[in-house]
Amino acid sequence: MHSHDQQQNYCRKLGHHLTFSYCRSERNGKPCPMVFDCWFEKFDIGSYMKTHFQPEDVAYIGQGKPDKVMTLLELIQRAQNTALGAK
């Protein structure tokens, strides 16, 4: 699993260089949604993902970005629910 961890690549999402170890665990232990786009030129990322991750752990990759308005509304709803639960 750690064979490529020290390799570095430019992250278009964050705007600076990162190691692969960050990219493969960026989302609470799950890979960044852009991992295929960023790493395909460095090594066989497809084989790596099939070997080290379950299909459900990477199913969200390539599904497109969530709508920003819907994401904001969901975050607002969660915050409201949390605030109501705290009272």
C-alpha atoms as a PDB file:
ATOM      1  CA  MET A   1       0.000   0.000   0.000  1.00  0.00           C
ATOM      2  CA  HIS A   2       2.828   2.447   0.799  1.00  0.00           C
ATOM      3  CA  SER A   3       4.953   1.779  -2.286  1.00  0.00           C
ATOM      4  CA  HIS A   4       4.208   5.170  -3.900  1.00  0.00           C
ATOM      5  CA  ASP A   5       3.667   7.278  -0.773  1.00  0.00           C
ATOM      6  CA  GLN A   6       6.768   9.450  -1.140  1.00  0.00           C
ATOM      7  CA  GLN A   7       6.215  10.345  -4.809  1.00  0.00           C
ATOM      8  CA  GLN A   8       5.205  13.959  -5.306  1.00  0.00           C
ATOM      9  CA  ASN A   9       2.907  15.520  -7.842  1.00  0.00           C
ATOM     10  CA  TYR A  10       1.289  18.903  -8.356  1.00  0.00           C
ATOM     11  CA  CYS A  11      -2.227  19.078  -6.924  1.00  0.00           C
ATOM     12  CA  ARG A  12      -4.518  21.102  -9.187  1.00  0.00           C
ATOM     13  CA  LYS A  13      -7.169  21.117  -6.485  1.00  0.00           C
ATOM     14  CA  LEU A  14      -4.990  22.685  -3.759  1.00  0.00           C
ATOM     15  CA  GLY A  15      -2.407  24.414  -5.940  1.00  0.00           C
ATOM     16  CA  HIS A  16       0.841  22.936  -4.636  1.00  0.00           C
ATOM     17  CA  HIS A  17       2.857  19.716  -4.599  1.00  0.00           C
ATOM     18  CA  LEU A  18       1.724  16.824  -2.408  1.00  0.00           C
ATOM     19  CA  THR A  19       2.840  13.278  -1.785  1.00  0.00           C
ATOM     20  CA  PHE A  20       0.737  10.371  -2.963  1.00  0.00           C
ATOM     21  CA  SER A  21       0.176   9.365   0.662  1.00  0.00           C
ATOM     22  CA  TYR A  22      -1.989  12.467   1.056  1.00  0.00           C
ATOM     23  CA  CYS A  23      -3.910  11.817  -2.162  1.00  0.00           C
ATOM     24  CA  ARG A  24      -4.726   8.208  -1.324  1.00  0.00           C
ATOM     25  CA  SER A  25      -6.158   9.153   2.084  1.00  0.00           C
ATOM     26  CA  GLU A  26      -7.454  12.704   1.582  1.00  0.00           C
ATOM     27  CA  ARG A  27     -11.090  11.913   2.404  1.00  0.00           C
ATOM     28  CA  ASN A  28     -10.921  10.277   5.839  1.00  0.00           C
ATOM     29  CA  GLY A  29      -8.811   7.406   4.568  1.00  0.00           C
ATOM     30  CA  LYS A  30     -10.345   7.319   1.098  1.00  0.00           C
ATOM     31  CA  PRO A  31      -8.682   8.669  -2.050  1.00  0.00           C
ATOM     32  CA  CYS A  32      -9.144  12.120  -3.479  1.00  0.00           C
ATOM     33  CA  PRO A  33     -11.746  12.190  -6.275  1.00  0.00           C
ATOM     34  CA  MET A  34      -9.026  13.430  -8.652  1.00  0.00           C
ATOM     35  CA  VAL A  35      -6.533  10.649  -7.893  1.00  0.00           C
ATOM     36  CA  PHE A  36      -6.820   9.041 -11.348  1.00  0.00           C
ATOM     37  CA  ASP A  37      -6.445  12.360 -13.177  1.00  0.00           C
ATOM     38  CA  CYS A  38      -3.397  13.397 -11.210  1.00  0.00           C
ATOM     39  CA  TRP A  39      -1.442  10.150 -10.974  1.00  0.00           C
ATOM     40  CA  PHE A  40      -2.043   8.200 -14.198  1.00  0.00           C
ATOM     41  CA  GLU A  41       1.226   9.470 -15.720  1.00  0.00           C
ATOM     42  CA  LYS A  42       3.335   8.497 -12.698  1.00  0.00           C
ATOM     43  CA  PHE A  43       2.276   4.841 -12.279  1.00  0.00           C
ATOM     44  CA  ASP A  44      -0.584   2.436 -12.988  1.00  0.00           C
ATOM     45  CA  ILE A  45      -3.068   4.043 -10.631  1.00  0.00           C
ATOM     46  CA  GLY A  46      -5.928   1.822 -11.838  1.00  0.00           C
ATOM     47  CA  SER A  47      -4.158  -1.371 -10.782  1.00  0.00           C
ATOM     48  CA  TYR A  48      -3.054   0.237  -7.529  1.00  0.00           C
ATOM     49  CA  MET A  49      -6.628   1.207  -6.636  1.00  0.00           C
ATOM     50  CA  LYS A  50      -8.001  -2.248  -7.496  1.00  0.00           C
ATOM     51  CA  THR A  51      -5.309  -3.881  -5.366  1.00  0.00           C
ATOM     52  CA  HIS A  52      -5.531  -1.670  -2.291  1.00  0.00           C
ATOM     53  CA  PHE A  53      -9.123  -0.398  -2.105  1.00  0.00           C
ATOM     54  CA  GLN A  54     -12.568  -1.951  -2.110  1.00  0.00           C
ATOM     55  CA  PRO A  55     -14.818  -0.934  -5.041  1.00  0.00           C
ATOM     56  CA  GLU A  56     -17.180   0.922  -2.699  1.00  0.00           C
ATOM     57  CA  ASP A  57     -14.231   2.964  -1.361  1.00  0.00           C
ATOM     58  CA  VAL A  58     -13.603   4.480  -4.795  1.00  0.00           C
ATOM     59  CA  ALA A  59     -17.094   4.377  -6.311  1.00  0.00           C
ATOM     60  CA  TYR A  60     -17.508   8.158  -6.005  1.00  0.00           C
ATOM     61  CA  ILE A  61     -14.438   8.844  -8.187  1.00  0.00           C
ATOM     62  CA  GLY A  62     -15.433  10.059 -11.623  1.00  0.00           C
ATOM     63  CA  GLN A  63     -19.066  10.680 -10.703  1.00  0.00           C
ATOM     64  CA  GLY A  64     -18.732  14.407 -11.170  1.00  0.00           C
ATOM     65  CA  LYS A  65     -18.664  17.107  -8.589  1.00  0.00           C
ATOM     66  CA  PRO A  66     -21.611  17.647  -6.282  1.00  0.00           C
ATOM     67  CA  ASP A  67     -23.651  20.761  -6.917  1.00  0.00           C
ATOM     68  CA  LYS A  68     -22.279  23.588  -4.749  1.00  0.00           C
ATOM     69  CA  VAL A  69     -25.699  24.980  -3.856  1.00  0.00           C
ATOM     70  CA  MET A  70     -26.943  21.554  -2.758  1.00  0.00           C
ATOM     71  CA  THR A  71     -23.778  21.008  -0.730  1.00  0.00           C
ATOM     72  CA  LEU A  72     -24.249  24.354   1.010  1.00  0.00           C
ATOM     73  CA  LEU A  73     -27.891  23.606   1.728  1.00  0.00           C
ATOM     74  CA  GLU A  74     -26.975  20.220   3.202  1.00  0.00           C
ATOM     75  CA  LEU A  75     -24.326  21.836   5.410  1.00  0.00           C
ATOM     76  CA  ILE A  76     -26.798  24.471   6.596  1.00  0.00           C
ATOM     77  CA  GLN A  77     -29.380  21.779   7.372  1.00  0.00           C
ATOM     78  CA  ARG A  78     -26.838  19.744   9.354  1.00  0.00           C
ATOM     79  CA  ALA A  79     -25.815  22.832  11.328  1.00  0.00           C
ATOM     80  CA  GLN A  80     -29.439  23.649  12.091  1.00  0.00           C
ATOM     81  CA  ASN A  81     -30.121  20.081  13.206  1.00  0.00           C
ATOM     82  CA  THR A  82     -27.041  20.140  15.422  1.00  0.00           C
ATOM     83  CA  ALA A  83     -28.082  23.470  16.947  1.00  0.00           C
ATOM     84  CA  LEU A  84     -31.592  22.196  17.635  1.00  0.00           C
ATOM     85  CA  GLY A  85     -30.232  19.007  19.185  1.00  0.00           C
ATOM     86  CA  ALA A  86     -27.964  20.990  21.508  1.00  0.00           C
ATOM     87  CA  LYS A  87     -30.871  22.907  23.071  1.00  0.00           C
END
